[in-house]
Amino acid sequence: MVLREHASLSLCGAAALYLATADASAAAAFWVAGTLVDVDHLVDYWRDDGFNLRLARFFAYFPGRSPVFLLLPFHAWEWVLGLLAVVLGAGAPLWVWGLAMGWLSHLLLDQRFNPSQQPLAYWFAYRWNRGFRASEFYDGGAL
């Protein structure tokens, strides 16, 4: 999914969370996590293209060419499931619940709607075991 879609769907989720809880911090955390998990794409972009802040170039990078490696540290089931376990076990504040649920929604949407990906690609251990090679993340190595 693209940023616009994540931002829109996360806004809907944040609004629903706010209506259910009346907690603005939880709603904001949901939106931030649901939208900004994609900031980890900057790591791969800057590694391959050098540090720059040209947004048009960044948004054209992934559809326009296939990176050799994809680290994507935030796109990992291990971290969000770990956070959910801590939230459940520790009685975390509502904003942490919002953060965890926004992050979970982002990964669920990506896992379902990103085309041509390997089924296990959103496990950090899977990518690490394969040297973070993009060809192991996507079927045929194409984005």
Protein backbone atom coordinates (compact mmCIF):
# COMPACT_ATOMS: atom_id res chain seq x y z
CA MET A 1 0.00 0.00 0.00
CA VAL A 2 1.04 3.58 -0.51
CA LEU A 3 1.36 6.35 2.07
CA ARG A 4 -1.90 8.03 1.03
CA GLU A 5 -3.84 4.80 1.64
CA HIS A 6 -2.16 4.12 4.97
CA ALA A 7 -2.80 7.70 6.11
CA SER A 8 -6.49 7.55 5.11
CA LEU A 9 -7.20 4.16 6.64
CA SER A 10 -5.24 5.02 9.78
CA LEU A 11 -7.28 8.20 10.13
CA CYS A 12 -10.46 6.10 10.00
CA GLY A 13 -9.05 3.72 12.61
CA ALA A 14 -7.94 6.62 14.80
CA ALA A 15 -11.38 8.21 14.57
CA ALA A 16 -13.04 4.92 15.54
CA LEU A 17 -10.64 4.53 18.46
CA TYR A 18 -11.34 8.08 19.60
CA LEU A 19 -15.11 7.51 19.40
CA ALA A 20 -14.74 4.32 21.45
CA THR A 21 -12.36 5.69 24.10
CA ALA A 22 -12.47 9.52 23.95
CA ASP A 23 -8.68 9.37 24.27
CA ALA A 24 -6.98 11.73 21.83
CA SER A 25 -3.49 10.40 22.61
CA ALA A 26 -4.53 6.83 21.74
CA ALA A 27 -6.12 8.01 18.49
CA ALA A 28 -3.03 10.05 17.59
CA ALA A 29 -0.74 7.11 18.38
CA PHE A 30 -2.86 4.85 16.17
CA TRP A 31 -2.60 7.28 13.26
CA VAL A 32 1.14 7.88 13.71
CA ALA A 33 1.98 4.17 13.88
CA GLY A 34 -0.43 3.17 11.13
CA THR A 35 1.00 5.79 8.80
CA LEU A 36 4.63 6.34 9.73
CA VAL A 37 5.83 2.74 9.94
CA ASP A 38 6.88 3.38 6.35
CA VAL A 39 9.63 5.74 7.55
CA ASP A 40 11.87 2.66 7.57
CA HIS A 41 11.87 2.77 3.76
CA LEU A 42 14.18 5.78 4.12
CA VAL A 43 16.95 3.48 5.35
CA ASP A 44 16.93 1.52 2.10
CA TYR A 45 16.43 4.60 -0.07
CA TRP A 46 19.29 6.57 1.52
CA ARG A 47 21.59 3.54 1.44
CA ASP A 48 21.05 3.10 -2.31
CA ASP A 49 20.54 6.72 -3.39
CA GLY A 50 22.49 8.78 -0.87
CA PHE A 51 21.11 11.08 1.80
CA ASN A 52 18.73 13.61 0.32
CA LEU A 53 15.37 15.09 1.23
CA ARG A 54 13.78 15.21 -2.22
CA LEU A 55 10.34 13.72 -1.56
CA ALA A 56 9.35 13.34 -5.22
CA ARG A 57 12.48 11.29 -5.83
CA PHE A 58 11.81 9.17 -2.73
CA PHE A 59 8.22 8.38 -3.73
CA ALA A 60 9.35 7.42 -7.24
CA TYR A 61 12.21 5.26 -6.02
CA PHE A 62 10.51 2.02 -5.02
CA PRO A 63 8.04 1.73 -7.91
CA GLY A 64 10.68 2.90 -10.38
CA ARG A 65 13.54 0.56 -9.55
CA SER A 66 14.17 -2.51 -7.49
CA PRO A 67 16.51 -2.10 -4.53
CA VAL A 68 18.99 -4.90 -3.99
CA PHE A 69 18.41 -5.05 -0.22
CA LEU A 70 15.38 -4.35 1.97
CA LEU A 71 16.08 -3.97 5.66
CA LEU A 72 12.67 -2.48 6.60
CA PRO A 73 13.18 -2.77 10.38
CA PHE A 74 9.63 -1.67 11.32
CA HIS A 75 7.94 -4.02 8.84
CA ALA A 76 8.34 -7.02 11.13
CA TRP A 77 5.76 -9.16 12.86
CA GLU A 78 8.24 -9.94 15.64
CA TRP A 79 8.28 -6.36 16.94
CA VAL A 80 4.56 -5.64 16.79
CA LEU A 81 3.67 -9.00 18.34
CA GLY A 82 6.25 -8.37 21.06
CA LEU A 83 4.73 -4.96 21.72
CA LEU A 84 1.25 -6.47 21.89
CA ALA A 85 2.49 -9.06 24.41
CA VAL A 86 3.96 -6.29 26.58
CA VAL A 87 0.78 -4.23 26.30
CA LEU A 88 -1.35 -7.20 27.33
CA GLY A 89 0.95 -8.21 30.17
CA ALA A 90 1.88 -4.85 31.60
CA GLY A 91 -1.37 -2.94 31.60
CA ALA A 92 0.06 -0.24 29.36
CA PRO A 93 -1.56 3.18 28.94
CA LEU A 94 -4.18 3.56 26.24
CA TRP A 95 -1.86 5.48 23.91
CA VAL A 96 0.50 2.45 23.82
CA TRP A 97 -2.50 0.30 22.86
CA GLY A 98 -3.22 2.78 20.08
CA LEU A 99 0.39 2.60 18.91
CA ALA A 100 0.35 -1.20 18.87
CA MET A 101 -2.99 -1.38 17.07
CA GLY A 102 -1.94 1.20 14.46
CA TRP A 103 1.27 -0.70 13.79
CA LEU A 104 -0.65 -3.98 13.60
CA SER A 105 -3.12 -2.49 11.13
CA HIS A 106 -0.27 -1.23 8.94
CA LEU A 107 1.34 -4.66 8.75
CA LEU A 108 -1.98 -6.41 8.15
CA LEU A 109 -2.77 -4.06 5.26
CA ASP A 110 0.70 -4.44 3.77
CA GLN A 111 0.66 -8.20 4.14
CA ARG A 112 -2.71 -8.39 2.40
CA PHE A 113 -2.45 -5.75 -0.32
CA ASN A 114 1.22 -5.43 -1.34
CA PRO A 115 1.63 -7.31 -4.60
CA SER A 116 4.07 -10.11 -5.37
CA GLN A 117 5.59 -10.56 -1.93
CA GLN A 118 6.75 -13.77 -0.35
CA PRO A 119 4.30 -14.94 2.34
CA LEU A 120 6.96 -14.77 5.10
CA ALA A 121 8.51 -11.49 3.96
CA TYR A 122 7.15 -9.48 6.88
CA TRP A 123 9.11 -11.56 9.38
CA PHE A 124 12.40 -9.82 10.17
CA ALA A 125 14.06 -13.18 10.89
CA TYR A 126 13.06 -14.41 7.41
CA ARG A 127 14.66 -11.40 5.74
CA TRP A 128 17.73 -11.54 7.97
CA ASN A 129 18.21 -15.24 7.22
CA ARG A 130 18.25 -14.35 3.52
CA GLY A 131 20.64 -11.44 3.84
CA PHE A 132 17.83 -8.85 3.38
CA ARG A 133 17.99 -9.44 -0.39
CA ALA A 134 14.98 -7.87 -2.10
CA SER A 135 14.81 -10.85 -4.44
CA GLU A 136 13.91 -12.96 -1.40
CA PHE A 137 11.22 -10.49 -0.30
CA TYR A 138 9.38 -10.22 -3.59
CA ASP A 139 8.47 -12.92 -6.08
CA GLY A 140 10.80 -12.44 -9.00
CA GLY A 141 12.67 -9.64 -7.18
CA ALA A 142 10.43 -6.91 -8.63
CA LEU A 143 8.57 -4.31 -6.60
